[in-house]
Protein backbone atom coordinates (compact mmCIF):
# COMPACT_ATOMS: atom_id res chain seq x y z
CA ARG A 1 7.83 13.72 -11.87
CA GLU A 2 8.44 10.68 -9.94
CA SER A 3 12.00 9.34 -10.51
CA CYS A 4 13.48 6.21 -10.94
CA HIS A 5 15.91 7.22 -7.98
CA PRO A 6 15.92 10.74 -5.88
CA SER A 7 19.13 11.68 -7.55
CA VAL A 8 17.65 11.63 -11.07
CA ALA A 9 17.08 14.75 -11.57
CA CYS A 10 15.74 17.27 -14.99
CA ARG A 11 18.34 19.58 -16.72
CA PRO A 12 16.50 22.99 -16.73
CA LEU A 13 15.44 24.48 -19.83
CA ALA A 14 15.73 28.48 -20.24
CA SER A 15 11.90 28.88 -20.15
CA ASP A 16 8.03 27.05 -19.47
CA ALA A 17 7.37 27.74 -23.13
CA MET A 18 9.05 27.04 -26.22
CA GLU A 19 9.39 29.65 -28.65
CA PRO A 20 7.80 29.50 -32.46
CA GLY A 21 10.96 27.57 -34.41
CA GLU A 22 12.65 26.56 -31.21
CA TYR A 23 11.84 22.74 -30.89
CA ASP A 24 12.94 22.46 -34.83
CA ALA A 25 16.20 24.00 -33.88
CA LEU A 26 16.76 21.40 -31.26
CA VAL A 27 15.75 18.77 -33.57
CA SER A 28 18.84 19.97 -36.19
CA ARG A 29 21.36 20.32 -33.47
CA ALA A 30 20.93 17.07 -32.59
CA ARG A 31 21.20 15.76 -35.58
CA SER A 32 25.08 16.68 -35.50
CA GLY A 33 25.46 14.18 -32.71
CA ASN A 34 26.65 16.65 -30.50
CA THR A 35 25.72 14.73 -26.51
CA SER A 36 24.54 18.61 -24.83
CA ALA A 37 22.28 19.09 -28.05
CA THR A 38 20.52 15.55 -27.99
CA MET A 39 20.34 15.90 -24.25
CA ASP A 40 18.76 19.21 -24.82
CA LEU A 41 16.07 17.50 -27.46
CA LEU A 42 15.30 15.27 -25.20
CA GLN A 43 14.52 17.15 -22.32
CA ALA A 44 12.42 19.14 -24.19
CA MET A 45 10.52 16.43 -25.47
CA ARG A 46 9.98 15.08 -22.09
CA VAL A 47 9.12 18.49 -20.08
CA HIS A 48 6.98 20.00 -23.17
CA LYS A 49 5.07 16.00 -23.41
CA ILE A 50 6.18 15.68 -27.47
CA ARG A 51 5.34 12.53 -28.70
CA GLN A 52 7.84 11.48 -31.35
CA PRO A 53 8.84 7.67 -30.30
CA GLU A 54 11.10 7.55 -33.23
CA LEU A 55 12.99 10.57 -32.50
CA VAL A 56 13.90 9.75 -29.22
CA VAL A 57 14.74 6.43 -30.18
CA LEU A 58 17.02 7.85 -32.80
CA HIS A 59 18.59 10.09 -30.69
CA GLY A 60 18.39 8.11 -27.46
CA GLY A 61 19.48 5.53 -28.39
CA GLN A 62 23.15 6.89 -29.94
CA LEU A 63 23.57 8.67 -26.65
CA LEU A 64 23.01 5.24 -24.94
CA LYS A 65 25.38 3.71 -27.44
CA SER A 66 28.12 6.31 -27.55
CA SER A 67 27.94 8.62 -24.27
CA GLN A 68 26.39 6.85 -21.59
CA ARG A 69 29.12 8.06 -19.54
CA LYS A 70 28.71 11.89 -20.40
CA LEU A 71 24.64 11.23 -19.07
CA GLY A 72 25.49 10.93 -15.51
CA ASN A 73 22.21 10.48 -13.58
CA ASP A 74 20.14 11.50 -16.57
CA LEU A 75 21.03 8.21 -17.64
CA TRP A 76 18.42 6.59 -15.97
CA THR A 77 15.89 9.20 -17.19
CA VAL A 78 16.69 8.77 -20.88
CA LEU A 79 16.49 4.84 -20.73
CA GLU A 80 12.97 5.24 -19.47
CA GLN A 81 12.31 7.80 -22.01
CA VAL A 82 13.86 5.44 -24.78
CA PHE A 83 11.88 2.20 -23.20
CA LEU A 84 8.48 4.22 -23.65
CA ALA A 85 9.04 5.09 -27.18
CA ALA A 86 10.69 1.60 -27.94
CA VAL A 87 7.24 0.10 -26.70
CA GLU A 88 5.06 2.71 -28.57
CA ILE A 89 6.81 1.75 -32.37
CA GLY A 90 7.14 -2.07 -31.46
CA ALA A 91 11.26 -1.57 -31.11
CA ASP A 92 11.93 -4.78 -29.02
CA ASP A 93 15.90 -4.40 -28.92
CA TRP A 94 15.54 -0.82 -27.42
CA ARG A 95 12.47 -1.63 -25.27
CA ASP A 96 14.41 -5.08 -23.38
CA TYR A 97 17.81 -3.13 -23.42
CA SER A 98 16.66 -0.18 -21.35
CA LEU A 99 14.09 -2.36 -19.08
CA ASN A 100 17.41 -5.06 -18.59
CA GLN A 101 19.51 -1.83 -17.14
CA LEU A 102 17.12 -0.01 -15.53
CA THR A 103 16.33 -3.61 -13.11
CA LYS A 104 19.99 -4.22 -12.58
CA GLN A 105 20.15 -0.29 -11.20
CA PHE A 106 16.55 0.03 -9.17
CA PRO A 107 15.76 -3.58 -8.39
CA SER A 108 13.65 -2.78 -5.83
CA SER A 109 11.73 0.34 -7.87
CA VAL A 110 7.81 0.51 -8.25
CA ARG A 111 8.63 2.52 -11.15
CA VAL A 112 10.29 -0.44 -12.60
CA GLU A 113 8.03 -2.79 -12.02
CA ARG A 114 5.49 -0.74 -13.43
CA LEU A 115 7.77 -0.58 -16.40
CA LYS A 116 7.84 -4.23 -16.40
CA GLY A 117 4.17 -4.25 -16.57
CA ILE A 118 4.24 -2.01 -19.66
CA GLN A 119 6.87 -4.59 -21.40
CA GLN A 120 4.15 -7.20 -20.95
CA GLU A 121 1.21 -5.23 -22.08
CA SER A 122 3.19 -4.72 -25.51
CA MET A 123 4.22 -8.15 -26.12
CA LYS A 124 -0.01 -8.88 -25.26
CA LYS A 125 0.68 -10.89 -22.76
CA TYR A 126 -2.54 -8.81 -20.60
CA ALA A 127 -2.81 -11.26 -17.88
CA GLU A 128 1.17 -11.21 -16.64
CA ALA A 129 0.87 -7.56 -16.92
CA LYS A 130 -2.17 -7.53 -14.65
CA LYS A 131 -0.60 -9.60 -11.99
CA ILE A 132 1.87 -7.50 -12.00
CA TYR A 133 0.11 -4.19 -11.46
CA GLU A 134 -1.94 -5.96 -9.01
CA LYS A 135 0.95 -6.57 -6.85
CA ILE A 136 2.09 -3.38 -6.91
CA LEU A 137 -1.68 -2.22 -5.66
CA ALA A 138 -1.76 -4.58 -2.86
CA ASP A 139 1.24 -2.91 -1.48
CA LYS A 140 0.44 0.90 -2.73
CA PRO A 141 -3.45 1.31 -3.49
CA GLU A 142 -2.98 4.94 -3.71
CA ASP A 143 -0.88 4.81 -7.05
CA THR A 144 -2.58 6.08 -9.38
CA VAL A 145 -0.44 5.59 -12.64
CA THR A 146 -0.62 1.78 -12.23
CA GLN A 147 -4.47 2.05 -11.99
CA LYS A 148 -4.99 3.74 -15.18
CA ARG A 149 -2.42 0.62 -16.62
CA LEU A 150 -5.30 -1.61 -15.38
CA ILE A 151 -7.89 0.89 -17.37
CA ALA A 152 -5.43 0.48 -20.32
CA ILE A 153 -5.83 -3.17 -20.03
CA LEU A 154 -9.67 -3.38 -20.85
CA LYS A 155 -9.14 -1.05 -23.31
CA GLN A 156 -7.02 -2.90 -25.28
CA CYS A 157 -8.94 -5.90 -24.69
CA GLY A 158 -11.54 -4.62 -26.26
CA LYS A 159 -13.85 -4.02 -23.29
CA PRO A 160 -14.95 -0.74 -23.32
CA VAL A 161 -17.92 -1.50 -20.84
CA GLU A 162 -15.86 -2.65 -18.53
CA ALA A 163 -13.19 0.09 -18.72
CA ILE A 164 -16.18 2.67 -17.88
CA GLU A 165 -17.09 0.53 -15.15
CA ALA A 166 -13.43 0.83 -14.26
CA ILE A 167 -12.93 4.81 -14.55
CA ASN A 168 -15.66 5.39 -12.94
CA ASN A 169 -15.17 3.85 -9.74
CA TYR A 170 -11.21 5.25 -10.22
CA LEU A 171 -13.15 9.40 -10.37
CA LYS A 172 -14.99 8.30 -6.91
CA THR A 173 -11.67 8.45 -5.27
CA PHE A 174 -10.04 10.67 -7.72
CA SER A 175 -12.45 12.95 -8.97
CA THR A 176 -10.07 16.11 -10.54
CA ASP A 177 -8.00 13.54 -12.74
CA ALA A 178 -8.40 15.79 -16.09
CA ASP A 179 -7.00 13.24 -17.97
CA VAL A 180 -9.14 10.44 -16.91
CA TRP A 181 -12.29 12.68 -17.45
CA HIS A 182 -11.42 12.93 -20.94
CA GLU A 183 -10.77 9.12 -21.37
CA LEU A 184 -14.29 8.39 -20.25
CA ALA A 185 -15.72 11.17 -22.51
CA GLU A 186 -14.18 9.53 -25.07
CA LEU A 187 -15.44 5.95 -24.00
CA TYR A 188 -18.66 7.66 -23.84
CA ILE A 189 -18.47 8.85 -27.73
CA GLU A 190 -17.66 5.98 -29.08
CA ALA A 191 -20.54 4.36 -27.52
CA GLY A 192 -22.73 6.67 -28.49
CA SER A 193 -23.40 8.06 -24.88
CA LEU A 194 -23.31 12.04 -25.57
CA GLN A 195 -25.18 13.54 -23.00
CA ARG A 196 -22.77 11.29 -20.77
CA ALA A 197 -20.20 12.75 -22.46
CA LEU A 198 -21.15 15.96 -22.09
CA TYR A 199 -21.14 15.74 -18.03
CA CYS A 200 -17.57 14.54 -18.46
CA TYR A 201 -16.13 17.58 -20.81
CA GLU A 202 -18.43 19.82 -17.62
CA GLU A 203 -16.15 18.38 -15.59
CA LEU A 204 -13.40 19.31 -17.66
CA LEU A 205 -14.37 22.76 -18.33
CA LEU A 206 -14.65 23.39 -13.95
CA VAL A 207 -10.83 22.03 -13.99
CA ASN A 208 -9.51 24.09 -16.96
CA PRO A 209 -12.20 26.91 -18.01
CA ARG A 210 -10.37 27.93 -20.93
CA SER A 211 -8.77 24.97 -22.48
CA LEU A 212 -10.21 25.55 -26.02
CA TYR A 213 -10.08 21.90 -26.88
CA HIS A 214 -12.69 21.38 -23.93
CA VAL A 215 -14.52 24.11 -25.07
CA LEU A 216 -14.79 23.48 -28.53
CA THR A 217 -15.70 19.90 -28.10
CA HIS A 218 -18.42 20.71 -25.86
CA ALA A 219 -20.01 23.04 -27.87
CA GLU A 220 -20.15 20.13 -30.15
CA LEU A 221 -21.38 17.87 -28.42
CA LEU A 222 -24.34 20.09 -27.46
CA TYR A 223 -24.93 20.96 -31.18
CA SER A 224 -24.61 16.99 -31.76
CA THR A 225 -27.19 16.90 -28.70
CA GLY A 226 -29.62 19.58 -30.31
CA ASP A 227 -28.85 22.33 -27.65
CA PHE A 228 -28.05 24.92 -30.00
CA GLU A 229 -28.67 27.86 -28.01
CA LEU A 230 -25.95 27.01 -25.83
CA SER A 231 -23.49 25.47 -28.11
CA ARG A 232 -23.84 28.98 -29.63
CA LYS A 233 -22.55 30.26 -26.35
CA TYR A 234 -19.45 27.63 -26.27
CA TYR A 235 -18.38 28.00 -29.75
CA SER A 236 -18.54 32.16 -29.20
CA LEU A 237 -16.99 31.60 -26.05
CA ALA A 238 -13.93 29.17 -28.22
CA ALA A 239 -13.69 32.08 -31.08
CA TYR A 240 -13.22 34.67 -28.40
CA LEU A 241 -10.58 32.69 -26.97
CA ASP A 242 -8.80 32.45 -30.55
CA GLY A 243 -10.11 34.45 -33.30
CA ALA A 244 -8.48 32.91 -36.27
CA CYS A 245 -9.80 29.04 -35.16
CA LEU A 246 -11.44 28.07 -38.03
CA ARG A 247 -13.18 25.03 -36.30
CA ALA A 248 -14.77 27.45 -34.11
CA LEU A 249 -15.90 29.68 -36.59
CA TRP A 250 -17.56 27.01 -38.82
CA GLY A 251 -19.11 25.57 -35.66
CA LEU A 252 -20.73 28.87 -35.31
CA ILE A 253 -21.73 29.24 -39.39
CA ALA A 254 -23.64 25.88 -38.67
CA VAL A 255 -25.38 26.09 -35.26
CA ASN A 256 -26.51 29.58 -36.99
CA MET A 257 -28.02 28.05 -39.50
CA ALA A 258 -29.91 25.49 -37.09
CA LEU A 259 -30.99 28.46 -35.09
CA ALA A 260 -32.13 30.28 -37.77
CA GLU A 261 -34.30 27.43 -39.24
CA LYS A 262 -36.41 27.92 -36.17
CA ASP A 263 -36.27 31.78 -36.20
CA LYS A 264 -35.50 33.28 -39.22
CA SER A 265 -36.50 36.86 -38.60
CA ASN A 266 -33.88 37.38 -35.52
CA GLU A 267 -31.80 39.95 -36.62
CA LYS A 268 -29.12 39.15 -33.90
CA LEU A 269 -28.46 35.79 -35.22
CA GLU A 270 -28.20 37.47 -38.75
CA GLN A 271 -25.79 40.12 -37.62
CA LEU A 272 -23.63 37.02 -35.95
CA ASN A 273 -23.58 35.23 -39.11
CA THR A 274 -22.64 37.76 -41.25
CA PHE A 275 -19.82 38.41 -38.64
CA THR A 276 -18.79 34.85 -38.87
CA ILE A 277 -18.82 34.74 -42.36
CA GLU A 278 -16.50 37.75 -43.03
CA ARG A 279 -14.12 36.49 -39.94
CA LEU A 280 -13.47 33.26 -41.97
CA LYS A 281 -13.34 35.23 -45.67
CA ASN A 282 -10.55 36.76 -43.87
CA ALA A 283 -9.19 33.60 -42.36
CA TYR A 284 -9.02 32.34 -46.35
CA SER A 285 -7.60 34.94 -48.14
CA GLY A 286 -4.46 34.74 -49.92
CA VAL A 287 -3.93 31.06 -48.42
CA GLY A 288 -3.81 29.03 -52.16
CA PRO A 289 -6.89 27.16 -54.21
CA HIS A 290 -8.53 25.77 -50.78
CA GLY A 291 -9.05 29.18 -49.79
CA LYS A 292 -10.39 30.32 -53.09
CA VAL A 293 -13.06 27.62 -52.68
CA ALA A 294 -13.75 28.14 -49.23
CA THR A 295 -14.40 31.98 -49.74
CA ALA A 296 -16.96 31.26 -52.69
CA LEU A 297 -18.58 28.83 -50.83
CA LEU A 298 -18.97 31.31 -48.07
CA THR A 299 -19.89 33.94 -50.56
CA ASN A 300 -22.30 32.15 -52.63
CA GLY A 301 -23.49 29.51 -50.41
CA LEU A 302 -23.80 30.60 -47.18
CA SER A 303 -23.99 34.89 -47.68
């Protein structure tokens, strides 16, 4: 992770993956006002990419008010984290304070210059932000983060066609950037270009073939474009990856019904449909009123 200064380091957590309830425990501890507990929470949010900007501004702001000396070199990381969260929720005072402190400490930092561009974006001063980003790219054309900010400006200005063109140009050079492939897919879906969105998800599956989200979305796009047989295979893969995934199981029901319209005598389809319905019944058993409604539908309407 790029930092404002080489001395800025992340505080290590015990493990890469969080245990169930671990995050809630960190939030609870941070509420006590303990500096170490608050730093652990903010670090966990960075490492695990947890987006709760209100919590970041609340607890990060408290650290900046009362415990700056205790933060050491983590101060600059917390300032950046608070800045980005403040931009997201419109906390202009914290946005400007954090950026001013970072600018004083790192007056020639490219990273801080990029934050200035983000500040301009948050004030809807897109022309000024674009000038900042283009100046950065003039000296550092390989800066992918800044290139993505220019694409973000096109989206914010309501220019999806230009954004699609910019993303395609970006991918000619950085063809393995999964986040940008996903962004392009979403733009194509919004534009109704489902076949092009399918191509994007094929690229995403090459990068991460076991991503449940990508497998499911690919299956749904295939269903929407009428490729029911291939859609069934991807829904089946999703159900294999997570046997309790309701989205995958309901998708299988839908695609099986579509295939059955074309081949009502297919015994394998009937067996798969029966199996899927039973899995859904088990998933909905004992989960309250909505579970009873779903079970009744599965029993009377689909069985």
